[in-house]
C-alpha atoms as a PDB file:
ATOM      1  CA  MET A   1      -4.711  17.459 -19.856  1.00  0.00           C
ATOM      2  CA  ASN A   2      -6.653  17.345 -16.589  1.00  0.00           C
ATOM      3  CA  ASP A   3      -9.969  15.418 -16.783  1.00  0.00           C
ATOM      4  CA  ALA A   4     -11.835  18.477 -15.534  1.00  0.00           C
ATOM      5  CA  GLU A   5     -10.512  20.558 -18.448  1.00  0.00           C
ATOM      6  CA  GLY A   6     -11.762  18.051 -21.004  1.00  0.00           C
ATOM      7  CA  LEU A   7     -15.137  17.713 -19.331  1.00  0.00           C
ATOM      8  CA  SER A   8     -15.549  21.500 -19.178  1.00  0.00           C
ATOM      9  CA  GLN A   9     -15.853  21.462 -23.003  1.00  0.00           C
ATOM     10  CA  ASP A  10     -18.396  18.623 -23.103  1.00  0.00           C
ATOM     11  CA  PRO A  11     -21.829  19.996 -24.156  1.00  0.00           C
ATOM     12  CA  THR A  12     -23.765  17.757 -21.765  1.00  0.00           C
ATOM     13  CA  PHE A  13     -21.652  18.727 -18.787  1.00  0.00           C
ATOM     14  CA  ARG A  14     -21.868  22.413 -19.782  1.00  0.00           C
ATOM     15  CA  LEU A  15     -25.671  22.184 -19.835  1.00  0.00           C
ATOM     16  CA  ILE A  16     -25.901  20.342 -16.532  1.00  0.00           C
ATOM     17  CA  GLY A  17     -23.413  22.756 -14.977  1.00  0.00           C
ATOM     18  CA  SER A  18     -25.317  25.836 -16.155  1.00  0.00           C
ATOM     19  CA  ALA A  19     -26.514  28.495 -13.728  1.00  0.00           C
ATOM     20  CA  LYS A  20     -30.089  27.145 -13.915  1.00  0.00           C
ATOM     21  CA  ILE A  21     -28.968  23.717 -12.712  1.00  0.00           C
ATOM     22  CA  TRP A  22     -26.296  25.008 -10.286  1.00  0.00           C
ATOM     23  CA  GLU A  23     -28.686  25.178  -7.333  1.00  0.00           C
ATOM     24  CA  ARG A  24     -29.273  21.417  -7.621  1.00  0.00           C
ATOM     25  CA  GLY A  25     -25.665  20.794  -6.555  1.00  0.00           C
ATOM     26  CA  ALA A  26     -24.320  18.874  -9.556  1.00  0.00           C
ATOM     27  CA  ALA A  27     -20.616  18.053  -9.078  1.00  0.00           C
ATOM     28  CA  LEU A  28     -19.460  19.095 -12.518  1.00  0.00           C
ATOM     29  CA  THR A  29     -16.775  20.963 -14.478  1.00  0.00           C
ATOM     30  CA  SER A  30     -15.778  23.804 -12.188  1.00  0.00           C
ATOM     31  CA  ARG A  31     -16.706  21.747  -9.131  1.00  0.00           C
ATOM     32  CA  LEU A  32     -14.886  18.554 -10.094  1.00  0.00           C
ATOM     33  CA  GLN A  33     -11.708  19.511  -8.278  1.00  0.00           C
ATOM     34  CA  THR A  34     -13.696  20.270  -5.123  1.00  0.00           C
ATOM     35  CA  PHE A  35     -15.439  16.914  -5.504  1.00  0.00           C
ATOM     36  CA  GLU A  36     -12.110  15.099  -5.994  1.00  0.00           C
ATOM     37  CA  THR A  37     -10.247  16.737  -3.135  1.00  0.00           C
ATOM     38  CA  GLU A  38     -12.989  17.275  -0.575  1.00  0.00           C
ATOM     39  CA  MET A  39     -15.579  14.552  -1.131  1.00  0.00           C
ATOM     40  CA  LEU A  40     -13.362  11.658  -2.167  1.00  0.00           C
ATOM     41  CA  ALA A  41     -10.678  12.492   0.388  1.00  0.00           C
ATOM     42  CA  GLU A  42     -13.047  12.206   3.363  1.00  0.00           C
ATOM     43  CA  ALA A  43     -12.023   9.510   5.832  1.00  0.00           C
ATOM     44  CA  GLU A  44     -15.283   7.574   5.519  1.00  0.00           C
ATOM     45  CA  ASN A  45     -14.902   7.447   1.730  1.00  0.00           C
ATOM     46  CA  PHE A  46     -11.363   6.056   2.033  1.00  0.00           C
ATOM     47  CA  ALA A  47     -12.636   3.504   4.527  1.00  0.00           C
ATOM     48  CA  GLY A  48     -15.509   2.584   2.197  1.00  0.00           C
ATOM     49  CA  LEU A  49     -13.170   2.035  -0.743  1.00  0.00           C
ATOM     50  CA  ALA A  50     -10.903  -0.131   1.434  1.00  0.00           C
ATOM     51  CA  ARG A  51     -13.889  -2.199   2.632  1.00  0.00           C
ATOM     52  CA  LEU A  52     -15.126  -2.669  -0.924  1.00  0.00           C
ATOM     53  CA  ASN A  53     -11.700  -3.857  -2.078  1.00  0.00           C
ATOM     54  CA  ARG A  54     -11.405  -6.210   0.904  1.00  0.00           C
ATOM     55  CA  GLU A  55     -14.901  -7.657   0.353  1.00  0.00           C
ATOM     56  CA  LEU A  56     -14.149  -8.397  -3.308  1.00  0.00           C
ATOM     57  CA  ILE A  57     -10.893 -10.149  -2.410  1.00  0.00           C
ATOM     58  CA  GLY A  58     -12.691 -12.043   0.377  1.00  0.00           C
ATOM     59  CA  LYS A  59     -15.111 -13.470  -2.187  1.00  0.00           C
ATOM     60  CA  ALA A  60     -12.192 -14.656  -4.329  1.00  0.00           C
ATOM     61  CA  GLU A  61     -10.484 -16.174  -1.261  1.00  0.00           C
ATOM     62  CA  ALA A  62     -13.644 -18.101  -0.414  1.00  0.00           C
ATOM     63  CA  LEU A  63     -13.437 -19.922  -3.757  1.00  0.00           C
ATOM     64  CA  ASP A  64     -10.016 -21.375  -2.967  1.00  0.00           C
ATOM     65  CA  SER A  65      -9.338 -21.129   0.733  1.00  0.00           C
ATOM     66  CA  PRO A  66      -5.993 -22.684   1.747  1.00  0.00           C
ATOM     67  CA  TYR A  67      -5.124 -23.405   5.367  1.00  0.00           C
ATOM     68  CA  ARG A  68      -2.249 -20.931   5.239  1.00  0.00           C
ATOM     69  CA  THR A  69      -2.105 -17.366   4.025  1.00  0.00           C
ATOM     70  CA  VAL A  70       1.041 -15.442   3.210  1.00  0.00           C
ATOM     71  CA  LEU A  71       1.006 -11.665   3.669  1.00  0.00           C
ATOM     72  CA  ASP A  72       3.615  -9.425   2.028  1.00  0.00           C
ATOM     73  CA  MET A  73       4.123  -5.819   3.088  1.00  0.00           C
ATOM     74  CA  ASP A  74       6.122  -3.204   1.245  1.00  0.00           C
ATOM     75  CA  SER A  75       6.212   0.486   0.511  1.00  0.00           C
ATOM     76  CA  THR A  76       6.645   2.113  -2.852  1.00  0.00           C
ATOM     77  CA  GLU A  77       7.363   5.468  -4.417  1.00  0.00           C
ATOM     78  CA  ILE A  78       4.828   7.491  -6.378  1.00  0.00           C
ATOM     79  CA  LEU A  79       6.639  10.380  -8.027  1.00  0.00           C
ATOM     80  CA  VAL A  80       4.873  13.721  -8.071  1.00  0.00           C
ATOM     81  CA  TYR A  81       5.434  16.774 -10.179  1.00  0.00           C
ATOM     82  CA  GLY A  82       4.736  20.246  -8.895  1.00  0.00           C
ATOM     83  CA  GLU A  83       3.347  21.081  -5.474  1.00  0.00           C
ATOM     84  CA  GLN A  84       1.138  18.112  -4.584  1.00  0.00           C
ATOM     85  CA  GLU A  85      -0.475  18.161  -1.145  1.00  0.00           C
ATOM     86  CA  GLN A  86       1.402  15.946   1.373  1.00  0.00           C
ATOM     87  CA  SER A  87       4.126  15.051  -1.096  1.00  0.00           C
ATOM     88  CA  ALA A  88       7.646  15.402   0.264  1.00  0.00           C
ATOM     89  CA  TYR A  89      11.247  14.722  -0.641  1.00  0.00           C
ATOM     90  CA  ASN A  90      12.421  11.203   0.190  1.00  0.00           C
ATOM     91  CA  GLY A  91      16.188  10.834   0.528  1.00  0.00           C
ATOM     92  CA  HIS A  92      16.138   7.078  -0.129  1.00  0.00           C
ATOM     93  CA  PHE A  93      14.354   7.465  -3.453  1.00  0.00           C
ATOM     94  CA  GLU A  94      15.967  10.874  -4.097  1.00  0.00           C
ATOM     95  CA  SER A  95      12.651  12.245  -5.315  1.00  0.00           C
ATOM     96  CA  THR A  96       9.593  14.207  -4.282  1.00  0.00           C
ATOM     97  CA  CYS A  97       6.905  11.611  -3.908  1.00  0.00           C
ATOM     98  CA  TYR A  98       4.171   9.923  -1.962  1.00  0.00           C
ATOM     99  CA  HIS A  99       5.330   6.838  -0.065  1.00  0.00           C
ATOM    100  CA  PRO A 100       2.327   4.497   0.228  1.00  0.00           C
ATOM    101  CA  LEU A 101       2.339   1.349   2.330  1.00  0.00           C
ATOM    102  CA  LEU A 102       0.848  -1.780   0.746  1.00  0.00           C
ATOM    103  CA  LEU A 103      -0.221  -5.198   2.019  1.00  0.00           C
ATOM    104  CA  PHE A 104      -0.547  -8.054  -0.485  1.00  0.00           C
ATOM    105  CA  SER A 105      -1.710 -11.630  -0.455  1.00  0.00           C
ATOM    106  CA  ARG A 106       0.543 -14.378  -1.793  1.00  0.00           C
ATOM    107  CA  GLU A 107      -1.461 -14.201  -5.029  1.00  0.00           C
ATOM    108  CA  GLY A 108      -0.558 -10.528  -5.439  1.00  0.00           C
ATOM    109  CA  ASP A 109      -3.953  -9.089  -4.468  1.00  0.00           C
ATOM    110  CA  CYS A 110      -3.693  -5.761  -2.669  1.00  0.00           C
ATOM    111  CA  LEU A 111      -5.423  -6.336   0.663  1.00  0.00           C
ATOM    112  CA  ALA A 112      -4.818  -2.891   2.140  1.00  0.00           C
ATOM    113  CA  ALA A 113      -3.074   0.345   1.267  1.00  0.00           C
ATOM    114  CA  LYS A 114      -2.282   3.597   2.985  1.00  0.00           C
ATOM    115  CA  LEU A 115      -1.279   6.760   1.158  1.00  0.00           C
ATOM    116  CA  ARG A 116       1.458   8.516   3.103  1.00  0.00           C
ATOM    117  CA  SER A 117       3.634  11.570   2.766  1.00  0.00           C
ATOM    118  CA  GLY A 118       6.875  11.040   0.854  1.00  0.00           C
ATOM    119  CA  ASN A 119       9.158  11.586   3.841  1.00  0.00           C
ATOM    120  CA  VAL A 120       7.951   8.826   6.176  1.00  0.00           C
ATOM    121  CA  HIS A 121       9.897   5.680   7.038  1.00  0.00           C
ATOM    122  CA  SER A 122       9.030   2.655   4.924  1.00  0.00           C
ATOM    123  CA  ALA A 123       7.461   0.785   7.862  1.00  0.00           C
ATOM    124  CA  GLU A 124       5.494   3.674   9.379  1.00  0.00           C
ATOM    125  CA  GLY A 125       1.865   2.727   9.960  1.00  0.00           C
ATOM    126  CA  TRP A 126       2.452  -1.032   9.523  1.00  0.00           C
ATOM    127  CA  GLU A 127       0.177  -1.983  12.427  1.00  0.00           C
ATOM    128  CA  GLU A 128      -2.847  -0.186  10.950  1.00  0.00           C
ATOM    129  CA  LEU A 129      -2.733  -2.391   7.838  1.00  0.00           C
ATOM    130  CA  LEU A 130      -1.201  -5.624   9.081  1.00  0.00           C
ATOM    131  CA  LEU A 131      -2.810  -6.390  12.444  1.00  0.00           C
ATOM    132  CA  PRO A 132      -6.473  -6.268  11.298  1.00  0.00           C
ATOM    133  CA  GLU A 133      -5.632  -8.566   8.363  1.00  0.00           C
ATOM    134  CA  ILE A 134      -3.830 -11.058  10.611  1.00  0.00           C
ATOM    135  CA  GLU A 135      -6.862 -11.129  12.936  1.00  0.00           C
ATOM    136  CA  ARG A 136      -9.248 -11.567   9.994  1.00  0.00           C
ATOM    137  CA  GLN A 137      -7.249 -14.448   8.547  1.00  0.00           C
ATOM    138  CA  GLN A 138      -6.901 -16.156  11.941  1.00  0.00           C
ATOM    139  CA  ARG A 139     -10.661 -15.872  12.551  1.00  0.00           C
ATOM    140  CA  MET A 140     -11.038 -17.884   9.325  1.00  0.00           C
ATOM    141  CA  GLY A 141      -8.820 -20.561  10.884  1.00  0.00           C
ATOM    142  CA  LYS A 142      -5.769 -19.888   8.730  1.00  0.00           C
ATOM    143  CA  GLU A 143      -2.134 -20.036   9.698  1.00  0.00           C
ATOM    144  CA  VAL A 144      -0.582 -16.664   8.830  1.00  0.00           C
ATOM    145  CA  VAL A 145       2.922 -16.137   7.460  1.00  0.00           C
ATOM    146  CA  PHE A 146       4.371 -12.651   6.992  1.00  0.00           C
ATOM    147  CA  ARG A 147       7.163 -11.553   4.621  1.00  0.00           C
ATOM    148  CA  ALA A 148       8.866  -8.173   4.341  1.00  0.00           C
ATOM    149  CA  ASP A 149      12.134  -6.482   3.458  1.00  0.00           C
ATOM    150  CA  ALA A 150      14.721  -5.009   5.809  1.00  0.00           C
ATOM    151  CA  ALA A 151      12.721  -1.815   6.388  1.00  0.00           C
ATOM    152  CA  PHE A 152      10.373  -3.909   8.552  1.00  0.00           C
ATOM    153  CA  ALA A 153      13.129  -5.450  10.695  1.00  0.00           C
ATOM    154  CA  LYS A 154      11.918  -3.769  13.868  1.00  0.00           C
ATOM    155  CA  PRO A 155      11.561  -5.297  17.337  1.00  0.00           C
ATOM    156  CA  GLU A 156       7.960  -4.066  17.686  1.00  0.00           C
ATOM    157  CA  ILE A 157       6.971  -5.885  14.497  1.00  0.00           C
ATOM    158  CA  TYR A 158       8.681  -9.109  15.616  1.00  0.00           C
ATOM    159  CA  GLU A 159       6.932  -8.899  18.996  1.00  0.00           C
ATOM    160  CA  ALA A 160       3.490  -8.263  17.480  1.00  0.00           C
ATOM    161  CA  LEU A 161       3.889 -11.198  15.100  1.00  0.00           C
ATOM    162  CA  GLU A 162       5.145 -13.573  17.804  1.00  0.00           C
ATOM    163  CA  GLU A 163       2.305 -12.577  20.186  1.00  0.00           C
ATOM    164  CA  ARG A 164      -0.150 -13.609  17.467  1.00  0.00           C
ATOM    165  CA  GLY A 165       1.652 -16.834  16.545  1.00  0.00           C
ATOM    166  CA  VAL A 166       2.536 -15.554  13.068  1.00  0.00           C
ATOM    167  CA  LYS A 167       5.546 -17.072  11.323  1.00  0.00           C
ATOM    168  CA  TYR A 168       7.650 -14.509   9.502  1.00  0.00           C
ATOM    169  CA  ALA A 169      10.574 -13.941   7.170  1.00  0.00           C
ATOM    170  CA  ILE A 170      11.954 -10.423   7.369  1.00  0.00           C
ATOM    171  CA  ARG A 171      15.241  -9.551   5.754  1.00  0.00           C
ATOM    172  CA  ILE A 172      17.933  -8.371   8.152  1.00  0.00           C
ATOM    173  CA  PRO A 173      19.376  -4.960   7.297  1.00  0.00           C
ATOM    174  CA  ALA A 174      22.940  -5.050   6.028  1.00  0.00           C
ATOM    175  CA  ASN A 175      25.547  -4.353   8.673  1.00  0.00           C
ATOM    176  CA  GLU A 176      29.318  -4.588   8.644  1.00  0.00           C
ATOM    177  CA  ASN A 177      29.614  -6.775  11.757  1.00  0.00           C
ATOM    178  CA  LEU A 178      27.286  -9.437  10.375  1.00  0.00           C
ATOM    179  CA  GLU A 179      28.944  -9.391   6.969  1.00  0.00           C
ATOM    180  CA  ARG A 180      32.385  -9.756   8.574  1.00  0.00           C
ATOM    181  CA  ASP A 181      31.222 -12.714  10.718  1.00  0.00           C
ATOM    182  CA  ILE A 182      29.774 -14.583   7.746  1.00  0.00           C
ATOM    183  CA  ALA A 183      32.326 -13.545   5.104  1.00  0.00           C
ATOM    184  CA  GLU A 184      33.556 -17.123   4.604  1.00  0.00           C
ATOM    185  CA  LEU A 185      29.994 -18.206   3.772  1.00  0.00           C
ATOM    186  CA  LEU A 186      29.380 -15.529   1.135  1.00  0.00           C
ATOM    187  CA  PRO A 187      31.713 -16.532  -1.741  1.00  0.00           C
ATOM    188  CA  ARG A 188      29.990 -18.905  -4.089  1.00  0.00           C
ATOM    189  CA  PRO A 189      31.909 -22.057  -4.951  1.00  0.00           C
ATOM    190  CA  VAL A 190      33.404 -22.237  -8.397  1.00  0.00           C
ATOM    191  CA  VAL A 191      31.749 -24.902 -10.483  1.00  0.00           C
ATOM    192  CA  PHE A 192      33.707 -26.544 -13.280  1.00  0.00           C
ATOM    193  CA  LEU A 193      31.729 -28.030 -16.108  1.00  0.00           C
ATOM    194  CA  ARG A 194      33.166 -30.912 -18.057  1.00  0.00           C
ATOM    195  CA  PRO A 195      33.214 -30.488 -21.835  1.00  0.00           C
END
């Protein structure tokens, strides 16, 4: 059940949402969806939520501030059902979804997030999340290390990281030529255990 449906039966919300109170502009029952999709989805509200999250994590970082910070970036799939605005089919996940981009600290705290349509590339929008965080960490005097999967193996990401003196570990996408050249290194040695 949608939250708005449940609240529409609540006596207090029905009273506050009555015609006599309507002129006061209460965001209730029949207006909850408008509030959710118009008010909360405004750019300044998204920015405010991101700032609030970042400030809270900053306070935790100040308690135990190492000289190095490790940033992890990844995308994920959020399945949707029905016709959700900006959802789209993603061939990699084989689903209709949103495809948000996330930036985490080594401790697993989400430092930044961007909700994206389901049909975007995993690395799309990386600079919007990553570069401000690198600058913030470096202003605090920290060495920054970046980790990501093969979706982020892009020359423009390497260049941006190297320009900023950031060390990085990004998985190389699988390719037949590389696998052929290192084939003799891939088999694991057989280990015999003595009884």
